[in-house]
Amino acid sequence: MKEKIVVKTKEEKNTISKSMKGTHNNPEWKLRNSCQSAVKVRCVELRCVFDSVYAAAKMINTTTANIAHVLAGRQNTAGGFHWTREC
């Protein structure tokens, strides 16, 4: 099965590029948008509640995916800590 190759014009590429500038790579944008569907999480060992998975991951220097995997039950710890959802 042959893959379909889509060739974009230079104008289309520039339009897409301009629309992406300053959004997804901006740390403020990431923080603002991560809080829209934020889930409060609690670190069992530190006895600390974080407003979001993103905030917790930044604080302990791990990824949001690792904490999410613990919350989903796919792994036991993230960053060396146990995590639970805060209701």
Protein backbone atom coordinates (compact mmCIF):
# COMPACT_ATOMS: atom_id res chain seq x y z
CA MET A 1 0.00 0.00 0.00
CA LYS A 2 1.50 3.31 -1.08
CA GLU A 3 1.54 6.22 1.31
CA LYS A 4 -0.12 9.38 0.16
CA ILE A 5 2.36 12.26 0.03
CA VAL A 6 0.88 15.67 0.69
CA VAL A 7 2.91 18.60 -0.56
CA LYS A 8 2.10 21.92 1.03
CA THR A 9 2.77 25.23 -0.62
CA LYS A 10 5.13 27.71 1.00
CA GLU A 11 2.14 29.91 1.87
CA GLU A 12 0.40 27.01 3.68
CA LYS A 13 3.57 26.22 5.60
CA ASN A 14 3.98 29.85 6.67
CA THR A 15 0.35 30.03 7.83
CA ILE A 16 0.75 26.90 9.94
CA SER A 17 4.07 28.12 11.32
CA LYS A 18 2.63 31.51 12.33
CA SER A 19 -0.33 29.90 14.06
CA MET A 20 2.00 27.72 16.17
CA LYS A 21 4.46 30.46 17.19
CA GLY A 22 4.54 31.23 20.89
CA THR A 23 2.01 28.67 22.04
CA HIS A 24 3.01 25.06 22.61
CA ASN A 25 6.67 25.73 23.38
CA ASN A 26 5.85 28.51 25.84
CA PRO A 27 6.07 27.34 29.50
CA GLU A 28 3.34 29.79 30.57
CA TRP A 29 0.98 28.33 27.96
CA LYS A 30 1.72 24.78 29.18
CA LEU A 31 1.10 25.71 32.80
CA ARG A 32 -2.12 27.61 32.01
CA ASN A 33 -3.53 24.81 29.88
CA SER A 34 -2.49 21.99 32.20
CA CYS A 35 -4.63 23.52 34.95
CA GLN A 36 -7.84 23.48 32.92
CA SER A 37 -8.35 19.78 33.55
CA ALA A 38 -6.16 19.58 36.62
CA VAL A 39 -6.44 16.68 39.01
CA LYS A 40 -5.19 17.24 42.56
CA VAL A 41 -2.64 14.62 43.54
CA ARG A 42 -1.11 13.67 46.87
CA CYS A 43 2.40 12.40 47.45
CA VAL A 44 2.10 9.76 50.17
CA GLU A 45 5.66 10.03 51.53
CA LEU A 46 5.86 13.83 51.51
CA ARG A 47 2.26 14.24 52.75
CA CYS A 48 1.90 17.03 50.24
CA VAL A 49 -1.05 17.86 47.96
CA PHE A 50 -0.36 19.36 44.55
CA ASP A 51 -2.89 21.29 42.47
CA SER A 52 -2.04 19.32 39.33
CA VAL A 53 0.04 16.44 38.02
CA TYR A 54 2.10 19.02 36.14
CA ALA A 55 2.95 20.94 39.34
CA ALA A 56 3.89 17.71 41.14
CA ALA A 57 6.08 16.55 38.27
CA LYS A 58 7.92 19.86 38.15
CA MET A 59 8.50 19.85 41.91
CA ILE A 60 10.04 16.37 42.07
CA ASN A 61 11.70 16.48 38.63
CA THR A 62 9.84 13.67 36.89
CA THR A 63 7.40 13.52 34.00
CA THR A 64 3.65 13.95 34.13
CA ALA A 65 3.34 10.62 32.33
CA ASN A 66 5.08 8.78 35.19
CA ILE A 67 2.68 10.19 37.77
CA ALA A 68 -0.28 9.48 35.49
CA HIS A 69 0.86 5.85 35.16
CA VAL A 70 0.91 5.49 38.96
CA LEU A 71 -2.57 7.01 39.23
CA ALA A 72 -3.80 4.59 36.56
CA GLY A 73 -2.23 1.62 38.35
CA ARG A 74 0.29 0.75 35.64
CA GLN A 75 3.29 1.33 37.91
CA ASN A 76 3.92 1.64 41.64
CA THR A 77 6.02 4.79 41.99
CA ALA A 78 7.00 7.91 40.08
CA GLY A 79 10.14 9.80 41.03
CA GLY A 80 10.57 7.38 43.94
CA PHE A 81 7.24 8.35 45.52
CA HIS A 82 3.74 6.84 45.76
CA TRP A 83 0.83 8.94 44.43
CA THR A 84 -2.93 9.06 44.92
CA ARG A 85 -5.73 11.25 43.63
CA GLU A 86 -6.96 13.85 46.07
CA CYS A 87 -10.75 14.03 46.20
